[in-house]
Protein backbone atom coordinates (compact mmCIF):
# COMPACT_ATOMS: atom_id res chain seq x y z
CA MET A 1 53.35 33.31 85.06
CA VAL A 2 53.95 35.02 81.73
CA ARG A 3 56.50 33.17 79.65
CA PRO A 4 59.14 35.13 77.74
CA LEU A 5 58.03 35.65 74.14
CA SER A 6 61.51 34.96 72.78
CA GLY A 7 63.95 32.20 73.50
CA ARG A 8 66.66 34.85 73.68
CA CYS A 9 64.89 36.89 76.32
CA THR A 10 66.72 36.80 79.63
CA HIS A 11 64.27 38.98 81.53
CA LEU A 12 62.37 37.61 84.49
CA SER A 13 58.78 36.53 84.04
CA TYR A 14 56.15 38.78 85.51
CA ARG A 15 53.03 38.15 87.51
CA TRP A 16 49.72 39.16 86.06
CA GLY A 17 48.50 42.33 87.74
CA SER A 18 51.97 43.61 88.54
CA THR A 19 54.32 44.71 85.76
CA SER A 20 53.73 44.31 82.03
CA PRO A 21 56.35 42.04 80.39
CA MET A 22 57.59 44.90 78.24
CA GLY A 23 61.17 43.67 78.17
CA CYS A 24 60.21 40.31 76.72
CA VAL A 25 57.92 41.91 74.14
CA ASP A 26 60.80 44.19 73.19
CA CYS A 27 63.12 41.19 72.79
CA ALA A 28 60.59 39.48 70.55
CA VAL A 29 60.41 42.53 68.28
CA LEU A 30 64.21 42.73 68.04
CA ASP A 31 64.38 38.99 67.31
CA ALA A 32 61.91 39.39 64.44
CA LEU A 33 63.73 42.39 62.99
CA GLU A 34 67.08 40.64 63.19
CA ARG A 35 65.73 37.51 61.50
CA SER A 36 64.30 39.60 58.68
CA ALA A 37 67.54 41.52 58.26
CA ARG A 38 69.57 38.32 58.22
CA GLN A 39 67.32 36.75 55.60
CA ALA A 40 67.44 39.86 53.44
CA GLN A 41 71.16 40.28 54.05
CA THR A 42 70.68 43.91 54.91
CA THR A 43 71.10 46.33 57.81
CA VAL A 44 68.08 47.79 59.56
CA ARG A 45 68.10 51.46 60.55
CA ILE A 46 66.36 51.72 63.91
CA LEU A 47 65.58 54.47 66.41
CA TYR A 48 65.21 53.08 69.90
CA THR A 49 63.81 54.97 72.89
CA GLY A 50 65.45 54.68 76.28
CA GLY A 51 64.84 57.53 78.71
CA CYS A 52 66.25 59.73 81.44
CA TRP A 53 65.30 57.22 84.14
CA LEU A 54 68.00 54.88 82.83
CA TYR A 55 70.61 57.16 84.41
CA GLY A 56 69.10 56.85 87.86
CA ALA A 57 69.42 59.70 90.35
CA THR A 58 72.20 62.07 89.28
CA GLY A 59 72.00 64.72 92.02
CA GLU A 60 74.52 67.47 91.25
CA LEU A 61 75.95 65.53 88.30
CA VAL A 62 74.57 66.45 84.88
CA ALA A 63 74.23 63.21 82.92
CA ASP A 64 75.57 63.19 79.38
CA GLU A 65 75.97 60.35 76.91
CA MET A 66 79.16 59.18 78.64
CA THR A 67 77.48 58.83 82.04
CA PRO A 68 77.12 55.18 83.11
CA PHE A 69 73.58 53.87 83.26
CA ASN A 70 72.02 53.10 86.62
CA PRO A 71 68.42 52.28 85.72
CA ILE A 72 65.57 51.72 88.11
CA GLU A 73 64.72 48.01 88.13
CA PRO A 74 61.45 48.04 86.13
CA PHE A 75 63.25 49.56 83.13
CA ALA A 76 66.67 47.89 83.30
CA TRP A 77 65.74 45.79 80.26
CA MET A 78 65.98 48.92 78.10
CA VAL A 79 69.71 49.17 78.80
CA GLU A 80 70.21 45.50 77.88
CA ASN A 81 68.25 45.76 74.65
CA ALA A 82 69.91 49.01 73.60
CA SER A 83 73.29 47.34 74.13
CA ARG A 84 72.15 44.45 71.97
CA LEU A 85 71.27 46.87 69.16
CA GLU A 86 74.71 48.45 69.34
CA ARG A 87 76.50 45.09 69.22
CA SER A 88 74.52 43.60 66.35
CA SER A 89 75.84 43.87 62.81
CA PHE A 90 72.23 43.79 61.55
CA PHE A 91 71.23 47.11 63.13
CA ARG A 92 72.32 50.68 62.63
CA ALA A 93 70.86 52.16 65.77
CA SER A 94 70.32 55.50 67.42
CA VAL A 95 69.16 55.34 71.03
CA LEU A 96 67.27 58.43 72.22
CA HIS A 97 66.96 59.27 75.89
CA PRO A 98 64.18 61.84 76.27
CA ALA A 99 63.89 63.95 79.38
CA MET A 100 60.50 64.17 81.08
CA VAL A 101 58.21 64.89 78.13
CA TYR A 102 55.47 67.47 78.54
CA HIS A 103 52.94 69.15 76.23
CA LYS A 104 49.71 71.09 76.37
CA GLY A 105 47.75 67.88 76.93
CA GLY A 106 49.91 66.88 79.88
CA GLY A 107 52.57 64.25 79.43
CA ALA A 108 54.80 64.33 82.52
CA PHE A 109 52.64 67.18 83.84
CA ALA A 110 49.31 65.40 83.29
CA ARG A 111 48.56 64.71 86.95
CA TYR A 112 49.59 68.23 88.01
CA LEU A 113 47.38 69.81 85.34
CA GLU A 114 44.37 67.63 86.14
CA GLN A 115 44.59 68.29 89.87
CA ALA A 116 44.97 72.04 89.38
CA ARG A 117 42.05 72.28 86.97
CA GLN A 118 39.85 70.33 89.36
CA GLY A 119 40.67 72.71 92.19
CA GLN A 120 42.63 70.08 94.10
CA PRO A 121 46.08 70.50 95.68
CA VAL A 122 48.85 69.66 93.23
CA GLU A 123 50.61 66.61 94.66
CA ILE A 124 54.38 66.26 94.42
CA TRP A 125 55.81 62.78 94.81
CA GLY A 126 58.76 62.45 97.18
CA SER A 127 60.27 65.92 97.46
CA ALA A 128 59.76 69.41 96.10
CA ASP A 129 63.54 69.57 95.58
CA THR A 130 63.50 66.70 93.06
CA ARG A 131 64.76 67.92 89.70
CA TRP A 132 63.35 66.80 86.36
CA PRO A 133 65.09 67.33 83.04
CA LEU A 134 62.39 68.57 80.67
CA ILE A 135 61.61 68.41 76.95
CA HIS A 136 58.53 69.62 75.11
CA ARG A 137 56.95 67.00 72.86
CA ASP A 138 57.40 69.18 69.77
CA ASP A 139 61.14 69.56 70.35
CA LEU A 140 61.45 65.83 70.93
CA ALA A 141 59.64 65.16 67.65
CA VAL A 142 62.18 67.34 65.84
CA ALA A 143 65.01 65.31 67.37
CA TYR A 144 63.49 62.07 66.09
CA ARG A 145 63.07 63.57 62.63
CA ILE A 146 66.70 64.69 62.55
CA LEU A 147 67.88 61.18 63.38
CA VAL A 148 65.57 59.67 60.77
CA ASP A 149 66.99 62.02 58.14
CA ASN A 150 70.61 61.41 59.15
CA PRO A 151 71.23 57.64 59.38
CA GLU A 152 74.94 58.20 59.96
CA MET A 153 74.07 59.53 63.42
CA VAL A 154 74.31 56.39 65.53
CA GLY A 155 74.81 55.80 69.24
CA HIS A 156 73.16 57.44 72.24
CA TYR A 157 71.56 60.88 72.21
CA ASN A 158 70.04 62.64 75.21
CA VAL A 159 67.16 65.00 74.42
CA SER A 160 66.66 67.65 77.08
CA ALA A 161 65.87 71.36 76.83
CA GLU A 162 65.95 72.10 80.58
CA MET A 163 68.66 70.20 82.42
CA GLY A 164 66.85 70.05 85.75
CA ARG A 165 63.75 71.90 86.95
CA ARG A 166 62.56 71.36 90.52
CA THR A 167 59.20 69.67 90.81
CA GLY A 168 58.29 72.15 93.51
CA ASP A 169 58.69 75.00 91.02
CA ILE A 170 56.75 73.13 88.33
CA ALA A 171 53.87 72.25 90.64
CA ALA A 172 53.74 75.74 92.16
CA GLU A 173 53.56 77.42 88.75
CA ILE A 174 50.80 75.10 87.53
CA ALA A 175 48.86 75.49 90.79
CA LYS A 176 49.18 79.29 90.63
CA VAL A 177 48.10 79.66 86.99
CA LEU A 178 45.50 76.93 86.68
CA GLY A 179 44.44 76.03 90.22
CA ASN A 180 44.03 77.33 93.73
CA GLY A 181 47.76 77.70 94.39
CA GLU A 182 47.94 74.79 96.84
CA VAL A 183 50.76 72.22 96.64
CA ILE A 184 51.30 69.16 98.83
CA VAL A 185 54.13 66.63 99.10
CA THR A 186 53.58 62.89 99.62
CA ALA A 187 56.36 60.76 101.17
CA PRO A 188 58.27 58.34 98.88
CA GLN A 189 57.28 55.25 100.86
CA ASP A 190 53.61 56.11 100.47
CA ILE A 191 53.99 56.62 96.72
CA LEU A 192 55.82 53.32 96.23
CA ALA A 193 53.25 51.47 98.32
CA ALA A 194 50.43 52.90 96.26
CA HIS A 195 51.92 52.68 92.77
CA GLY A 196 54.72 50.12 92.77
CA ALA A 197 58.39 50.15 91.83
CA TRP A 198 58.00 52.15 88.61
CA ALA A 199 57.00 55.19 90.69
CA GLU A 200 60.63 55.57 91.73
CA GLY A 201 61.19 57.16 88.31
CA PRO A 202 59.35 60.45 88.90
CA MET A 203 61.04 60.72 92.29
CA LEU A 204 64.59 60.58 90.88
CA ASP A 205 66.55 63.79 91.36
CA GLN A 206 68.07 64.21 87.90
CA GLN A 207 69.90 66.60 85.63
CA MET A 208 70.59 65.69 82.01
CA SER A 209 72.21 67.54 79.12
CA SER A 210 71.76 67.13 75.37
CA GLY A 211 75.07 68.60 74.27
CA LYS A 212 75.84 65.83 71.79
CA LEU A 213 72.68 66.47 69.80
CA ALA A 214 73.01 70.25 70.04
CA ALA A 215 76.64 70.04 68.86
CA THR A 216 75.49 68.68 65.51
CA GLY A 217 74.04 72.11 64.73
CA LEU A 218 70.84 70.43 63.56
CA TRP A 219 68.77 70.67 66.75
CA LYS A 220 67.92 73.68 68.86
CA PRO A 221 64.93 73.37 71.19
CA ARG A 222 62.18 75.93 70.83
CA PHE A 223 60.88 75.55 74.38
CA ILE A 224 63.70 76.16 76.86
CA ASP A 225 61.36 77.18 79.69
CA PHE A 226 58.14 75.27 80.26
CA VAL A 227 56.48 78.40 81.66
CA ALA A 228 56.82 80.09 78.27
CA SER A 229 55.42 77.08 76.40
CA ASP A 230 51.79 76.30 75.59
CA VAL A 231 51.32 74.07 78.62
CA LEU A 232 49.80 76.75 80.86
CA THR A 233 47.49 78.29 78.28
């Protein structure tokens, strides 16, 4: 068994070969930062990354920053640690929740792009009706920079340029442009058996807005349609 790296870590231990003890590593980092801040009698500005999967499946609901979290189990520790940052007087924290991040090299689309370019069917996990909120890596980078430059912006910020694009549409477009046009769907139980609990994430039907960030007037995504981005070139 892997022991927690911090005495304050409340996360379960993990078995080698299953899930990485990311939550305990995260706790250890926060412990170290808090000790340093306490010794220096200062406040640490920190940007912390959560993610769209922390909202769970939203269906017809569009998740905003007031939507309660309902994380899939392998990433529940992110909610706990983000809450710790908010409660601590030693941190001045912004918590970013990126949508599914894509870019020319792949990101969330990596498997689709690889399969298409190899002439294989593009495989959708779970259902072609599953919706993914999307954000291009470049637009996400701008969001991080804005929060770095504006330390008064604390709390949670969703970062999404497309609120919910169906995986069937994404896969079909990639298969048409870069592959042989063929798309297949693999059942959820087969995906979970092959890849483990984390694979529930890409199968979540989600919609997510980024109205809070957009309302600042500082952030406007460049890529509001993945088809018009550089990903298919």
